[in-house]
Amino acid sequence: MDGYLFECLPQAALLLDQRLRVGMANRAACDLFQLEPAALVGLSITVLVPHQSVAKMILDFGQETVKVIEIHPSPEQEMHRAKILKITVVRLPGDRALGGAPQGWPCGAFRLLLLDDVTEKARTEEQLVQAEQLVAMGQLASGIAHELANPLSSVSSNLQYVWEKLRESGDSTLTGAIEVTLDHVDEMRHLLRSLSDFTVQHRPHYQATDVHDLLRQKLAFIGREAEEQGVEVAVSFAPSLTPCHLDVRTVRQTLLNILKNALEAMPLGGKLSVRTRMGHSAPCGGDVVVVEIEDTGAGIEEAELRKVFRPLFSTKPRSTGLGLPFCRQVVEEHGGEIHLASRKGHGTTVTLLFPVQQEDPSAG
């Protein structure tokens, strides 16, 4: 394969030396990394693809000469800027290197990398899967609610009656057991309500809203709980924030969900930081209000971080797993974005982007 064919490849292509430094890069690679050839040459692949395992994955061939790997963003990277790359790695013996390889390179194995940016494809597939899950959940929730609502009410009423009679007789052992059972029945009813609220589509009612007002309301609501847990609340609001067209009811619930998640991550105290600023996002259609909610809690494992927006997935033992999916649904219905960055043992930051203007502002 000569240098001309290398340059004409439609995919981004890099030729790496033994130390995984770039020796050659075609125009498609320059476009992918937004760097000129002179700036690319000499860079390590670990600089271009800042993932903790990229070097090991490229070097670890075994008996293969070609392998395909997919690089997902690291937790430290901002989700809205990170790329998902599909990398085809071809091991080339030194005598089979490209004719245009730089002179002076040591003899030995070269590696040809063909890179495809599959970010949009992966996210589209994820959205399709989630959409299918929501449809299935809606059907399931409707059936469960219909079949269980009346029996649960009957069970709860009967247990309440028995509990009151036993309490009159002074049998604390049985009344305690029934109290636990009643709590479990309430949890089941709460799950049914959560499923119903999550899967039923509500027509949003947009109105010009000061996001600072919503945040102040919710911070006041959790204030006592934060104080009891020893959580310091730090607020940094932008001096001038443009009002957004929001559905106040759902956004208020979204902010409360995220703030309560932050508190639950810090049962022994910590710091809750809430920041706002103006920003610009092309995917959101222009000017956006950015809200960042950061905690210093336990953080989330990298493997779990990719699942937190999936319905019914939760890292907490007594959670329905619908809080964050609901938040994402609300934000995306507003044409905005939600991003979550976390490291185990170092806390979590949730970033919300709300467009200042809806496509149809008269909808409110």
Protein backbone atom coordinates (compact mmCIF):
# COMPACT_ATOMS: atom_id res chain seq x y z
CA MET A 1 0.00 0.00 0.00
CA ASP A 2 1.60 3.27 -1.05
CA GLY A 3 1.33 6.77 0.38
CA TYR A 4 -1.09 7.93 -2.32
CA LEU A 5 -3.66 5.24 -1.51
CA PHE A 6 -3.17 5.96 2.19
CA GLU A 7 -4.02 9.63 1.64
CA CYS A 8 -7.07 8.76 -0.45
CA LEU A 9 -8.64 6.45 2.13
CA PRO A 10 -12.16 7.70 2.99
CA GLN A 11 -11.63 6.73 6.63
CA ALA A 12 -9.38 8.54 9.04
CA ALA A 13 -6.06 6.69 8.93
CA LEU A 14 -2.98 6.86 11.13
CA LEU A 15 0.33 5.02 10.84
CA LEU A 16 1.86 4.43 14.27
CA ASP A 17 5.41 3.43 15.21
CA GLN A 18 6.40 0.98 17.94
CA ARG A 19 5.81 3.63 20.59
CA LEU A 20 2.34 4.36 19.20
CA ARG A 21 3.37 7.76 17.88
CA VAL A 22 1.85 9.10 14.66
CA GLY A 23 4.17 8.95 11.69
CA MET A 24 1.61 9.60 8.97
CA ALA A 25 -1.96 10.92 8.95
CA ASN A 26 -4.30 11.31 6.00
CA ARG A 27 -6.62 14.25 5.43
CA ALA A 28 -9.62 12.42 6.93
CA ALA A 29 -7.66 11.96 10.16
CA CYS A 30 -6.79 15.65 10.22
CA ASP A 31 -10.48 16.47 9.86
CA LEU A 32 -11.45 14.02 12.62
CA PHE A 33 -8.98 15.44 15.14
CA GLN A 34 -9.12 19.01 13.74
CA LEU A 35 -5.35 19.20 13.48
CA GLU A 36 -2.97 19.79 10.59
CA PRO A 37 -0.64 16.95 9.50
CA ALA A 38 2.41 18.65 11.01
CA ALA A 39 0.63 18.89 14.36
CA LEU A 40 -0.46 15.24 14.28
CA VAL A 41 2.91 13.71 13.43
CA GLY A 42 4.80 12.73 16.54
CA LEU A 43 1.76 12.71 18.86
CA SER A 44 1.01 9.61 20.89
CA ILE A 45 -2.31 7.91 20.25
CA THR A 46 -3.00 8.27 23.98
CA VAL A 47 -3.03 12.04 23.48
CA LEU A 48 -5.39 11.88 20.51
CA VAL A 49 -7.68 9.32 22.13
CA PRO A 50 -7.58 10.10 25.87
CA HIS A 51 -8.86 6.77 27.12
CA GLN A 52 -7.09 4.92 29.90
CA SER A 53 -6.99 1.60 28.02
CA VAL A 54 -6.42 2.67 24.43
CA ALA A 55 -2.71 1.77 24.32
CA LYS A 56 -3.28 -1.69 25.80
CA MET A 57 -6.14 -2.41 23.41
CA ILE A 58 -4.08 -1.41 20.39
CA LEU A 59 -1.01 -3.41 21.47
CA ASP A 60 -2.86 -6.55 22.56
CA PHE A 61 -3.24 -8.48 19.32
CA GLY A 62 -2.65 -12.06 20.42
CA GLN A 63 -2.43 -14.16 17.25
CA GLU A 64 -4.50 -11.73 15.18
CA THR A 65 -3.20 -9.27 12.64
CA VAL A 66 -6.42 -7.24 12.48
CA LYS A 67 -8.73 -6.28 15.34
CA VAL A 68 -11.64 -3.89 15.81
CA ILE A 69 -12.15 -2.00 19.07
CA GLU A 70 -14.67 0.59 20.17
CA ILE A 71 -13.53 3.44 22.40
CA HIS A 72 -16.17 4.93 24.68
CA PRO A 73 -15.66 8.21 26.53
CA SER A 74 -13.90 8.11 29.88
CA PRO A 75 -15.88 9.39 32.89
CA GLU A 76 -13.56 12.41 33.09
CA GLN A 77 -14.55 13.54 29.60
CA GLU A 78 -17.57 15.76 29.03
CA MET A 79 -20.21 13.54 27.49
CA HIS A 80 -21.41 16.13 24.98
CA ARG A 81 -17.89 16.58 23.55
CA ALA A 82 -16.52 13.04 23.74
CA LYS A 83 -16.52 10.78 20.69
CA ILE A 84 -17.21 7.08 20.38
CA LEU A 85 -14.62 5.72 17.98
CA LYS A 86 -14.57 2.42 16.14
CA ILE A 87 -10.92 1.65 15.49
CA THR A 88 -9.68 -1.03 13.11
CA VAL A 89 -6.08 -1.89 13.95
CA VAL A 90 -3.84 -3.62 11.40
CA ARG A 91 -0.43 -4.91 12.46
CA LEU A 92 2.17 -4.31 9.74
CA PRO A 93 5.67 -5.85 9.87
CA GLY A 94 8.41 -3.31 9.28
CA ASP A 95 9.03 -4.48 5.72
CA ARG A 96 5.36 -3.97 4.88
CA ALA A 97 5.08 -0.40 6.12
CA LEU A 98 3.79 2.27 3.80
CA GLY A 99 6.18 3.45 1.16
CA GLY A 100 5.83 7.00 2.43
CA ALA A 101 6.70 6.19 6.06
CA PRO A 102 9.16 8.67 7.59
CA GLN A 103 12.83 7.88 7.17
CA GLY A 104 14.73 6.96 10.28
CA TRP A 105 11.93 4.94 11.82
CA PRO A 106 13.29 1.83 13.58
CA CYS A 107 12.67 -1.54 11.97
CA GLY A 108 9.89 -3.54 13.58
CA ALA A 109 6.12 -3.68 13.73
CA PHE A 110 4.04 -0.74 12.56
CA ARG A 111 0.34 -0.33 13.19
CA LEU A 112 -2.21 1.06 10.78
CA LEU A 113 -5.30 2.54 12.44
CA LEU A 114 -8.55 3.16 10.57
CA LEU A 115 -10.90 5.28 12.68
CA ASP A 116 -14.65 5.81 12.32
CA ASP A 117 -16.61 8.28 14.43
CA VAL A 118 -19.70 6.26 15.39
CA THR A 119 -20.93 8.65 18.08
CA GLU A 120 -24.18 9.63 16.40
CA LYS A 121 -24.88 6.09 15.26
CA ALA A 122 -24.36 4.73 18.78
CA ARG A 123 -26.52 7.41 20.37
CA THR A 124 -29.27 6.93 17.80
CA GLU A 125 -29.27 3.19 18.45
CA GLU A 126 -29.40 3.85 22.20
CA GLN A 127 -32.35 6.21 21.77
CA LEU A 128 -34.19 3.62 19.65
CA VAL A 129 -33.62 0.96 22.28
CA GLN A 130 -34.82 3.29 25.02
CA ALA A 131 -37.88 4.24 22.97
CA GLU A 132 -38.75 0.57 22.58
CA GLN A 133 -38.24 0.07 26.32
CA LEU A 134 -40.58 2.96 27.09
CA VAL A 135 -43.31 1.54 24.85
CA ALA A 136 -42.93 -1.85 26.50
CA MET A 137 -42.92 -0.24 29.95
CA GLY A 138 -46.07 1.69 29.12
CA GLN A 139 -47.89 -1.45 28.12
CA LEU A 140 -46.56 -3.32 31.14
CA ALA A 141 -47.40 -0.50 33.55
CA SER A 142 -50.93 -0.22 32.22
CA GLY A 143 -51.54 -3.94 32.64
CA ILE A 144 -49.95 -4.10 36.10
CA ALA A 145 -51.82 -1.05 37.35
CA HIS A 146 -55.12 -2.48 36.15
CA GLU A 147 -54.55 -5.93 37.62
CA LEU A 148 -52.97 -4.95 40.94
CA ALA A 149 -54.48 -1.62 41.95
CA ASN A 150 -57.69 -3.03 43.41
CA PRO A 151 -56.11 -6.10 45.09
CA LEU A 152 -53.44 -3.91 46.68
CA SER A 153 -56.06 -1.54 48.03
CA SER A 154 -57.98 -4.48 49.50
CA VAL A 155 -54.83 -5.98 51.04
CA SER A 156 -53.88 -2.63 52.51
CA SER A 157 -57.35 -2.05 54.00
CA ASN A 158 -57.50 -5.53 55.53
CA LEU A 159 -54.02 -5.24 57.00
CA GLN A 160 -54.88 -1.84 58.43
CA TYR A 161 -57.98 -3.31 60.08
CA VAL A 162 -56.03 -6.24 61.57
CA TRP A 163 -53.27 -3.90 62.75
CA GLU A 164 -55.76 -1.69 64.60
CA LYS A 165 -57.38 -4.73 66.31
CA LEU A 166 -54.00 -6.15 67.34
CA ARG A 167 -52.85 -2.81 68.65
CA GLU A 168 -55.91 -2.75 70.94
CA SER A 169 -54.90 -6.17 72.30
CA GLY A 170 -51.34 -4.97 72.91
CA ASP A 171 -49.61 -7.64 70.75
CA SER A 172 -46.55 -5.63 69.65
CA THR A 173 -44.89 -8.54 67.81
CA LEU A 174 -47.71 -9.02 65.34
CA THR A 175 -48.40 -5.31 64.94
CA GLY A 176 -44.71 -4.78 64.08
CA ALA A 177 -44.83 -7.49 61.43
CA ILE A 178 -47.98 -6.00 59.91
CA GLU A 179 -46.39 -2.51 59.87
CA VAL A 180 -43.51 -3.89 57.81
CA THR A 181 -45.98 -5.54 55.43
CA LEU A 182 -47.93 -2.30 55.08
CA ASP A 183 -44.70 -0.49 54.21
CA HIS A 184 -44.03 -3.03 51.46
CA VAL A 185 -47.54 -2.59 50.09
CA ASP A 186 -47.01 1.18 50.02
CA GLU A 187 -43.74 0.66 48.10
CA MET A 188 -45.59 -1.43 45.53
CA ARG A 189 -48.25 1.25 45.12
CA HIS A 190 -45.53 3.90 44.81
CA LEU A 191 -43.85 1.88 42.06
CA LEU A 192 -47.13 1.62 40.17
CA ARG A 193 -47.64 5.40 40.42
CA SER A 194 -44.06 6.02 39.29
CA LEU A 195 -44.45 3.76 36.27
CA SER A 196 -47.73 5.45 35.38
CA ASP A 197 -46.29 8.97 35.71
CA PHE A 198 -43.19 8.05 33.71
CA THR A 199 -44.91 6.38 30.78
CA VAL A 200 -47.90 8.72 30.39
CA GLN A 201 -47.10 11.61 28.08
CA HIS A 202 -48.18 15.01 29.40
CA ARG A 203 -48.57 17.95 27.06
CA PRO A 204 -46.02 20.53 28.24
CA HIS A 205 -47.14 24.03 29.15
CA TYR A 206 -44.29 26.44 28.40
CA GLN A 207 -43.93 29.80 30.08
CA ALA A 208 -41.09 32.28 30.53
CA THR A 209 -39.39 31.20 33.75
CA ASP A 210 -36.47 32.35 35.88
CA VAL A 211 -34.44 29.19 36.52
CA HIS A 212 -32.96 30.83 39.62
CA ASP A 213 -36.42 31.01 41.17
CA LEU A 214 -36.97 27.27 40.64
CA LEU A 215 -33.56 26.46 42.10
CA ARG A 216 -34.13 28.64 45.16
CA GLN A 217 -37.46 26.90 45.81
CA LYS A 218 -35.96 23.43 45.62
CA LEU A 219 -32.85 24.34 47.63
CA ALA A 220 -35.12 25.69 50.36
CA PHE A 221 -37.12 22.46 50.22
CA ILE A 222 -34.05 20.27 50.84
CA GLY A 223 -32.37 22.75 53.19
CA ARG A 224 -33.29 21.06 56.46
CA GLU A 225 -32.30 17.61 55.19
CA ALA A 226 -28.94 18.95 53.99
CA GLU A 227 -28.31 20.58 57.36
CA GLU A 228 -29.15 17.39 59.27
CA GLN A 229 -26.73 15.40 57.09
CA GLY A 230 -23.94 17.94 57.48
CA VAL A 231 -23.97 18.86 53.80
CA GLU A 232 -22.68 22.32 52.93
CA VAL A 233 -24.66 23.98 50.13
CA ALA A 234 -22.70 26.38 47.91
CA VAL A 235 -24.53 28.46 45.29
CA SER A 236 -22.95 30.35 42.40
CA PHE A 237 -25.62 31.94 40.24
CA ALA A 238 -24.86 33.89 37.07
CA PRO A 239 -25.44 37.62 37.65
CA SER A 240 -27.73 37.81 34.64
CA LEU A 241 -29.68 34.81 33.41
CA THR A 242 -32.10 34.95 30.51
CA PRO A 243 -35.56 33.52 31.32
CA CYS A 244 -36.33 30.19 29.63
CA HIS A 245 -39.55 28.87 28.15
CA LEU A 246 -40.09 25.89 30.45
CA ASP A 247 -42.79 23.54 31.62
CA VAL A 248 -42.44 24.58 35.26
CA ARG A 249 -44.09 21.50 36.77
CA THR A 250 -41.80 18.93 35.16
CA VAL A 251 -38.61 21.01 35.41
CA ARG A 252 -39.27 21.65 39.09
CA GLN A 253 -39.55 17.88 39.65
CA THR A 254 -36.39 17.29 37.61
CA LEU A 255 -34.35 19.70 39.73
CA LEU A 256 -35.70 18.15 42.93
CA ASN A 257 -34.82 14.62 41.75
CA ILE A 258 -31.23 15.61 41.00
CA LEU A 259 -30.78 17.55 44.25
CA LYS A 260 -32.15 14.66 46.31
CA ASN A 261 -29.88 12.21 44.46
CA ALA A 262 -26.94 14.43 45.41
CA LEU A 263 -27.96 14.39 49.08
CA GLU A 264 -28.43 10.62 49.06
CA ALA A 265 -24.86 10.28 47.77
CA MET A 266 -23.55 12.12 50.86
CA PRO A 267 -25.15 10.46 53.92
CA LEU A 268 -22.15 11.38 56.09
CA GLY A 269 -21.83 14.96 54.88
CA GLY A 270 -20.09 16.72 52.03
CA LYS A 271 -20.57 19.66 49.72
CA LEU A 272 -23.39 20.34 47.28
CA SER A 273 -22.54 22.97 44.66
CA VAL A 274 -25.15 24.53 42.38
CA ARG A 275 -23.94 26.76 39.55
CA THR A 276 -25.63 28.52 36.64
CA ARG A 277 -24.35 30.32 33.56
CA MET A 278 -25.36 31.25 30.05
CA GLY A 279 -24.01 29.15 27.22
CA HIS A 280 -24.40 28.30 23.55
CA SER A 281 -25.21 24.89 22.08
CA ALA A 282 -25.76 24.26 18.39
CA PRO A 283 -27.69 20.99 19.04
CA CYS A 284 -30.02 22.92 21.37
CA GLY A 285 -30.61 25.62 18.79
CA GLY A 286 -28.56 28.49 20.21
CA ASP A 287 -28.49 30.18 23.61
CA VAL A 288 -28.97 27.93 26.62
CA VAL A 289 -29.13 28.22 30.38
CA VAL A 290 -26.64 25.83 31.96
CA VAL A 291 -27.28 24.38 35.43
CA GLU A 292 -24.57 22.33 37.13
CA ILE A 293 -25.31 20.33 40.28
CA GLU A 294 -22.20 18.77 41.83
CA ASP A 295 -21.79 16.59 44.91
CA THR A 296 -18.75 15.19 46.69
CA GLY A 297 -20.39 11.84 47.33
CA ALA A 298 -19.54 8.25 46.55
CA GLY A 299 -19.52 8.65 42.77
CA ILE A 300 -20.48 6.02 40.21
CA GLU A 301 -18.47 3.18 38.66
CA GLU A 302 -17.58 3.68 34.99
CA ALA A 303 -19.48 0.53 33.96
CA GLU A 304 -22.61 1.78 35.75
CA LEU A 305 -22.28 5.31 34.43
CA ARG A 306 -23.42 4.22 30.96
CA LYS A 307 -26.59 2.66 32.40
CA VAL A 308 -27.90 5.35 34.76
CA PHE A 309 -30.39 6.74 32.23
CA ARG A 310 -31.89 3.33 31.51
CA PRO A 311 -35.38 2.86 32.97
CA LEU A 312 -35.48 0.65 36.08
CA PHE A 313 -31.67 0.66 36.51
CA SER A 314 -30.44 1.99 39.83
CA THR A 315 -27.32 1.82 41.98
CA LYS A 316 -29.46 2.35 45.10
CA PRO A 317 -31.18 -0.61 46.80
CA ARG A 318 -34.55 1.10 47.47
CA SER A 319 -34.94 3.02 44.20
CA THR A 320 -37.36 2.51 41.33
CA GLY A 321 -34.69 3.45 38.79
CA LEU A 322 -37.00 5.97 37.14
CA GLY A 323 -35.65 9.25 38.52
CA LEU A 324 -32.84 9.96 36.07
CA PRO A 325 -34.71 8.55 33.03
CA PHE A 326 -37.57 10.92 33.94
CA CYS A 327 -35.11 13.83 34.17
CA ARG A 328 -33.63 12.98 30.79
CA GLN A 329 -37.07 12.69 29.23
CA VAL A 330 -38.09 16.12 30.58
CA VAL A 331 -34.90 17.85 29.47
CA GLU A 332 -35.00 16.33 25.98
CA GLU A 333 -38.69 17.26 25.62
CA HIS A 334 -37.51 20.84 26.11
CA GLY A 335 -34.94 20.40 23.33
CA GLY A 336 -32.13 20.45 25.88
CA GLU A 337 -29.37 18.12 27.01
CA ILE A 338 -28.43 16.37 30.26
CA HIS A 339 -24.92 15.07 30.95
CA LEU A 340 -23.58 13.18 33.91
CA ALA A 341 -19.88 12.95 34.84
CA SER A 342 -18.71 10.90 37.79
CA ARG A 343 -15.75 9.10 39.31
CA LYS A 344 -15.98 6.47 41.99
CA GLY A 345 -15.06 8.10 45.28
CA HIS A 346 -14.87 11.61 43.80
CA GLY A 347 -18.50 12.66 43.42
CA THR A 348 -20.85 13.37 40.56
CA THR A 349 -21.75 16.38 38.43
CA VAL A 350 -25.04 16.65 36.53
CA THR A 351 -25.16 19.30 33.81
CA LEU A 352 -28.48 20.50 32.38
CA LEU A 353 -28.81 22.62 29.23
CA PHE A 354 -32.16 24.35 28.68
CA PRO A 355 -32.80 26.29 25.46
CA VAL A 356 -33.79 29.87 26.13
CA GLN A 357 -36.47 29.74 23.46
CA GLN A 358 -38.68 26.85 22.41
CA GLU A 359 -39.33 26.27 18.73
CA ASP A 360 -42.93 27.30 19.27
CA PRO A 361 -42.96 29.85 22.09
CA SER A 362 -46.67 30.44 21.58
CA ALA A 363 -47.28 26.92 22.91
CA GLY A 364 -47.44 28.38 26.42
